Amino acid sequence: MQNSDETRSSPVLGIVREGDRAAMNEVNASVQVPASPHYTAVITSTVALRLFAYHVAQVPD
């Protein structure tokens, strides 16, 4: 099954747990967050996404 983003040839970025090879194989690039219980995984994912957004915003035009 093809992802709709892949049909347009755009790269797919994934936020995945450390060592999750199946998820890493489904995306073009991945940001790994530490494996943690489900109730705290939201925190580690949010920190990773906020840092990613900050660095994307810092890229000059």
PDB file of N, CA and C in Angstrom:
ATOM      1  N   MET A   1       0.843  -1.188   0.000  1.00  0.00           N
ATOM      2  CA  MET A   1       0.000   0.000   0.000  1.00  0.00           C
ATOM      3  C   MET A   1       0.877   1.235   0.000  1.00  0.00           C
ATOM      4  N   GLN A   2       0.639   2.128  -0.933  1.00  0.00           N
ATOM      5  CA  GLN A   2       1.440   3.332  -1.016  1.00  0.00           C
ATOM      6  C   GLN A   2       0.827   4.449  -0.201  1.00  0.00           C
ATOM      7  N   ASN A   3       1.705   5.184   0.471  1.00  0.00           N
ATOM      8  CA  ASN A   3       1.294   6.374   1.199  1.00  0.00           C
ATOM      9  C   ASN A   3       0.974   7.463   0.171  1.00  0.00           C
ATOM     10  N   SER A   4      -0.026   8.279   0.434  1.00  0.00           N
ATOM     11  CA  SER A   4      -0.402   9.316  -0.530  1.00  0.00           C
ATOM     12  C   SER A   4       0.728  10.317  -0.732  1.00  0.00           C
ATOM     13  N   ASP A   5       1.589  10.534   0.284  1.00  0.00           N
ATOM     14  CA  ASP A   5       2.724  11.437   0.123  1.00  0.00           C
ATOM     15  C   ASP A   5       3.754  10.856  -0.840  1.00  0.00           C
ATOM     16  N   GLU A   6       3.928   9.533  -0.813  1.00  0.00           N
ATOM     17  CA  GLU A   6       4.902   8.904  -1.688  1.00  0.00           C
ATOM     18  C   GLU A   6       4.481   8.979  -3.144  1.00  0.00           C
ATOM     19  N   THR A   7       3.200   9.029  -3.415  1.00  0.00           N
ATOM     20  CA  THR A   7       2.759   9.110  -4.799  1.00  0.00           C
ATOM     21  C   THR A   7       3.094  10.458  -5.407  1.00  0.00           C
ATOM     22  N   ARG A   8       3.325  11.446  -4.567  1.00  0.00           N
ATOM     23  CA  ARG A   8       3.715  12.767  -5.054  1.00  0.00           C
ATOM     24  C   ARG A   8       5.210  12.992  -4.928  1.00  0.00           C
ATOM     25  N   SER A   9       5.953  11.960  -4.588  1.00  0.00           N
ATOM     26  CA  SER A   9       7.417  12.010  -4.470  1.00  0.00           C
ATOM     27  C   SER A   9       7.904  12.978  -3.401  1.00  0.00           C
ATOM     28  N   SER A  10       7.128  13.211  -2.382  1.00  0.00           N
ATOM     29  CA  SER A  10       7.588  14.072  -1.297  1.00  0.00           C
ATOM     30  C   SER A  10       8.149  13.211  -0.174  1.00  0.00           C
ATOM     31  N   PRO A  11       9.193  13.690   0.501  1.00  0.00           N
ATOM     32  CA  PRO A  11       9.785  12.900   1.583  1.00  0.00           C
ATOM     33  C   PRO A  11       8.854  12.823   2.796  1.00  0.00           C
ATOM     34  N   VAL A  12       8.953  11.727   3.524  1.00  0.00           N
ATOM     35  CA  VAL A  12       8.128  11.503   4.707  1.00  0.00           C
ATOM     36  C   VAL A  12       9.046  11.437   5.918  1.00  0.00           C
ATOM     37  N   LEU A  13       8.784  12.273   6.908  1.00  0.00           N
ATOM     38  CA  LEU A  13       9.544  12.304   8.149  1.00  0.00           C
ATOM     39  C   LEU A  13       8.720  11.632   9.234  1.00  0.00           C
ATOM     40  N   GLY A  14       9.340  10.764  10.020  1.00  0.00           N
ATOM     41  CA  GLY A  14       8.613  10.071  11.081  1.00  0.00           C
ATOM     42  C   GLY A  14       9.272  10.272  12.437  1.00  0.00           C
ATOM     43  N   ILE A  15       8.467  10.403  13.467  1.00  0.00           N
ATOM     44  CA  ILE A  15       8.932  10.417  14.845  1.00  0.00           C
ATOM     45  C   ILE A  15       8.721   8.996  15.353  1.00  0.00           C
ATOM     46  N   VAL A  16       9.808   8.282  15.624  1.00  0.00           N
ATOM     47  CA  VAL A  16       9.717   6.859  15.991  1.00  0.00           C
ATOM     48  C   VAL A  16      10.461   6.593  17.289  1.00  0.00           C
ATOM     49  N   ARG A  17      10.061   5.523  17.953  1.00  0.00           N
ATOM     50  CA  ARG A  17      10.768   5.086  19.157  1.00  0.00           C
ATOM     51  C   ARG A  17      12.105   4.478  18.779  1.00  0.00           C
ATOM     52  N   GLU A  18      13.067   4.573  19.683  1.00  0.00           N
ATOM     53  CA  GLU A  18      14.372   3.959  19.454  1.00  0.00           C
ATOM     54  C   GLU A  18      14.217   2.476  19.144  1.00  0.00           C
ATOM     55  N   GLY A  19      14.876   2.042  18.101  1.00  0.00           N
ATOM     56  CA  GLY A  19      14.877   0.630  17.757  1.00  0.00           C
ATOM     57  C   GLY A  19      13.666   0.130  17.002  1.00  0.00           C
ATOM     58  N   ASP A  20      12.723   0.986  16.655  1.00  0.00           N
ATOM     59  CA  ASP A  20      11.525   0.562  15.926  1.00  0.00           C
ATOM     60  C   ASP A  20      11.855   0.504  14.437  1.00  0.00           C
ATOM     61  N   ARG A  21      12.462  -0.593  14.025  1.00  0.00           N
ATOM     62  CA  ARG A  21      12.913  -0.756  12.639  1.00  0.00           C
ATOM     63  C   ARG A  21      11.758  -0.768  11.648  1.00  0.00           C
ATOM     64  N   ALA A  22      10.630  -1.322  12.031  1.00  0.00           N
ATOM     65  CA  ALA A  22       9.480  -1.376  11.118  1.00  0.00           C
ATOM     66  C   ALA A  22       9.015   0.032  10.769  1.00  0.00           C
ATOM     67  N   ALA A  23       8.949   0.914  11.748  1.00  0.00           N
ATOM     68  CA  ALA A  23       8.526   2.295  11.485  1.00  0.00           C
ATOM     69  C   ALA A  23       9.581   3.038  10.668  1.00  0.00           C
ATOM     70  N   MET A  24      10.859   2.794  10.942  1.00  0.00           N
ATOM     71  CA  MET A  24      11.925   3.476  10.206  1.00  0.00           C
ATOM     72  C   MET A  24      11.949   3.064   8.743  1.00  0.00           C
ATOM     73  N   ASN A  25      11.539   1.843   8.450  1.00  0.00           N
ATOM     74  CA  ASN A  25      11.513   1.377   7.058  1.00  0.00           C
ATOM     75  C   ASN A  25      10.372   1.999   6.260  1.00  0.00           C
ATOM     76  N   GLU A  26       9.379   2.537   6.925  1.00  0.00           N
ATOM     77  CA  GLU A  26       8.214   3.123   6.247  1.00  0.00           C
ATOM     78  C   GLU A  26       8.402   4.593   5.877  1.00  0.00           C
ATOM     79  N   VAL A  27       9.444   5.256   6.405  1.00  0.00           N
ATOM     80  CA  VAL A  27       9.640   6.688   6.178  1.00  0.00           C
ATOM     81  C   VAL A  27      10.985   6.936   5.513  1.00  0.00           C
ATOM     82  N   ASN A  28      11.141   8.118   4.929  1.00  0.00           N
ATOM     83  CA  ASN A  28      12.405   8.482   4.302  1.00  0.00           C
ATOM     84  C   ASN A  28      13.440   8.928   5.327  1.00  0.00           C
ATOM     85  N   ALA A  29      13.005   9.630   6.351  1.00  0.00           N
ATOM     86  CA  ALA A  29      13.887  10.109   7.422  1.00  0.00           C
ATOM     87  C   ALA A  29      13.136   9.977   8.736  1.00  0.00           C
ATOM     88  N   SER A  30      13.897   9.748   9.804  1.00  0.00           N
ATOM     89  CA  SER A  30      13.226   9.569  11.086  1.00  0.00           C
ATOM     90  C   SER A  30      13.972  10.300  12.190  1.00  0.00           C
ATOM     91  N   VAL A  31      13.221  10.717  13.188  1.00  0.00           N
ATOM     92  CA  VAL A  31      13.758  11.275  14.423  1.00  0.00           C
ATOM     93  C   VAL A  31      13.427  10.254  15.492  1.00  0.00           C
ATOM     94  N   GLN A  32      14.457   9.734  16.147  1.00  0.00           N
ATOM     95  CA  GLN A  32      14.229   8.719  17.159  1.00  0.00           C
ATOM     96  C   GLN A  32      14.103   9.369  18.536  1.00  0.00           C
ATOM     97  N   VAL A  33      13.094   8.942  19.249  1.00  0.00           N
ATOM     98  CA  VAL A  33      12.906   9.386  20.633  1.00  0.00           C
ATOM     99  C   VAL A  33      13.108   8.177  21.536  1.00  0.00           C
ATOM    100  N   PRO A  34      13.533   8.410  22.781  1.00  0.00           N
ATOM    101  CA  PRO A  34      13.771   7.278  23.684  1.00  0.00           C
ATOM    102  C   PRO A  34      12.502   6.456  23.906  1.00  0.00           C
ATOM    103  N   ALA A  35      12.680   5.158  23.992  1.00  0.00           N
ATOM    104  CA  ALA A  35      11.551   4.283  24.304  1.00  0.00           C
ATOM    105  C   ALA A  35      11.094   4.595  25.727  1.00  0.00           C
ATOM    106  N   SER A  36       9.807   4.791  25.892  1.00  0.00           N
ATOM    107  CA  SER A  36       9.260   5.139  27.202  1.00  0.00           C
ATOM    108  C   SER A  36       7.831   4.610  27.293  1.00  0.00           C
ATOM    109  N   PRO A  37       7.276   4.583  28.503  1.00  0.00           N
ATOM    110  CA  PRO A  37       5.881   4.142  28.628  1.00  0.00           C
ATOM    111  C   PRO A  37       4.955   5.049  27.809  1.00  0.00           C
ATOM    112  N   HIS A  38       3.819   4.506  27.403  1.00  0.00           N
ATOM    113  CA  HIS A  38       2.897   5.251  26.538  1.00  0.00           C
ATOM    114  C   HIS A  38       2.449   6.571  27.149  1.00  0.00           C
ATOM    115  N   TYR A  39       2.282   6.623  28.455  1.00  0.00           N
ATOM    116  CA  TYR A  39       1.789   7.859  29.065  1.00  0.00           C
ATOM    117  C   TYR A  39       2.834   8.964  29.105  1.00  0.00           C
ATOM    118  N   THR A  40       4.108   8.651  28.930  1.00  0.00           N
ATOM    119  CA  THR A  40       5.125   9.703  28.857  1.00  0.00           C
ATOM    120  C   THR A  40       5.670   9.885  27.439  1.00  0.00           C
ATOM    121  N   ALA A  41       5.287   9.020  26.520  1.00  0.00           N
ATOM    122  CA  ALA A  41       5.770   9.124  25.142  1.00  0.00           C
ATOM    123  C   ALA A  41       5.310  10.423  24.491  1.00  0.00           C
ATOM    124  N   VAL A  42       4.191  10.942  24.917  1.00  0.00           N
ATOM    125  CA  VAL A  42       3.688  12.213  24.376  1.00  0.00           C
ATOM    126  C   VAL A  42       4.677  13.336  24.653  1.00  0.00           C
ATOM    127  N   ILE A  43       5.282  13.322  25.817  1.00  0.00           N
ATOM    128  CA  ILE A  43       6.230  14.372  26.195  1.00  0.00           C
ATOM    129  C   ILE A  43       7.472  14.309  25.317  1.00  0.00           C
ATOM    130  N   THR A  44       8.055  13.128  25.157  1.00  0.00           N
ATOM    131  CA  THR A  44       9.272  13.031  24.345  1.00  0.00           C
ATOM    132  C   THR A  44       8.994  13.358  22.876  1.00  0.00           C
ATOM    133  N   SER A  45       7.848  12.958  22.373  1.00  0.00           N
ATOM    134  CA  SER A  45       7.496  13.280  20.981  1.00  0.00           C
ATOM    135  C   SER A  45       7.280  14.779  20.805  1.00  0.00           C
ATOM    136  N   THR A  46       6.647  15.415  21.776  1.00  0.00           N
ATOM    137  CA  THR A  46       6.392  16.854  21.694  1.00  0.00           C
ATOM    138  C   THR A  46       7.690  17.645  21.712  1.00  0.00           C
ATOM    139  N   VAL A  47       8.621  17.254  22.557  1.00  0.00           N
ATOM    140  CA  VAL A  47       9.919  17.936  22.611  1.00  0.00           C
ATOM    141  C   VAL A  47      10.633  17.798  21.274  1.00  0.00           C
ATOM    142  N   ALA A  48      10.636  16.607  20.708  1.00  0.00           N
ATOM    143  CA  ALA A  48      11.291  16.393  19.413  1.00  0.00           C
ATOM    144  C   ALA A  48      10.651  17.243  18.319  1.00  0.00           C
ATOM    145  N   LEU A  49       9.333  17.291  18.285  1.00  0.00           N
ATOM    146  CA  LEU A  49       8.640  18.087  17.265  1.00  0.00           C
ATOM    147  C   LEU A  49       8.874  19.580  17.434  1.00  0.00           C
ATOM    148  N   ARG A  50       8.898  20.054  18.664  1.00  0.00           N
ATOM    149  CA  ARG A  50       9.142  21.488  18.901  1.00  0.00           C
ATOM    150  C   ARG A  50      10.565  21.882  18.499  1.00  0.00           C
ATOM    151  N   LEU A  51      11.539  21.030  18.796  1.00  0.00           N
ATOM    152  CA  LEU A  51      12.916  21.311  18.382  1.00  0.00           C
ATOM    153  C   LEU A  51      13.043  21.287  16.859  1.00  0.00           C
ATOM    154  N   PHE A  52      12.369  20.340  16.224  1.00  0.00           N
ATOM    155  CA  PHE A  52      12.383  20.279  14.767  1.00  0.00           C
ATOM    156  C   PHE A  52      11.776  21.554  14.175  1.00  0.00           C
ATOM    157  N   ALA A  53      10.642  21.983  14.700  1.00  0.00           N
ATOM    158  CA  ALA A  53       9.987  23.203  14.208  1.00  0.00           C
ATOM    159  C   ALA A  53      10.867  24.430  14.420  1.00  0.00           C
ATOM    160  N   TYR A  54      11.542  24.488  15.550  1.00  0.00           N
ATOM    161  CA  TYR A  54      12.446  25.613  15.824  1.00  0.00           C
ATOM    162  C   TYR A  54      13.569  25.673  14.786  1.00  0.00           C
ATOM    163  N   HIS A  55      14.182  24.540  14.510  1.00  0.00           N
ATOM    164  CA  HIS A  55      15.296  24.533  13.559  1.00  0.00           C
ATOM    165  C   HIS A  55      14.843  24.779  12.126  1.00  0.00           C
ATOM    166  N   VAL A  56      13.664  24.319  11.774  1.00  0.00           N
ATOM    167  CA  VAL A  56      13.124  24.619  10.443  1.00  0.00           C
ATOM    168  C   VAL A  56      12.870  26.115  10.301  1.00  0.00           C
ATOM    169  N   ALA A  57      12.389  26.745  11.359  1.00  0.00           N
ATOM    170  CA  ALA A  57      12.108  28.186  11.330  1.00  0.00           C
ATOM    171  C   ALA A  57      13.396  29.001  11.233  1.00  0.00           C
ATOM    172  N   GLN A  58      14.515  28.450  11.674  1.00  0.00           N
ATOM    173  CA  GLN A  58      15.792  29.166  11.647  1.00  0.00           C
ATOM    174  C   GLN A  58      16.488  29.091  10.294  1.00  0.00           C
ATOM    175  N   VAL A  59      16.006  28.261   9.399  1.00  0.00           N
ATOM    176  CA  VAL A  59      16.630  28.131   8.071  1.00  0.00           C
ATOM    177  C   VAL A  59      16.395  29.411   7.289  1.00  0.00           C
ATOM    178  N   PRO A  60      17.463  30.041   6.798  1.00  0.00           N
ATOM    179  CA  PRO A  60      17.274  31.278   6.031  1.00  0.00           C
ATOM    180  C   PRO A  60      16.603  31.008   4.684  1.00  0.00           C
ATOM    181  N   ASP A  61      15.908  31.986   4.179  1.00  0.00           N
ATOM    182  CA  ASP A  61      15.218  31.859   2.882  1.00  0.00           C
ATOM    183  C   ASP A  61      16.176  31.775   1.736  1.00  0.00           C
TER     184      ASP A  61
END
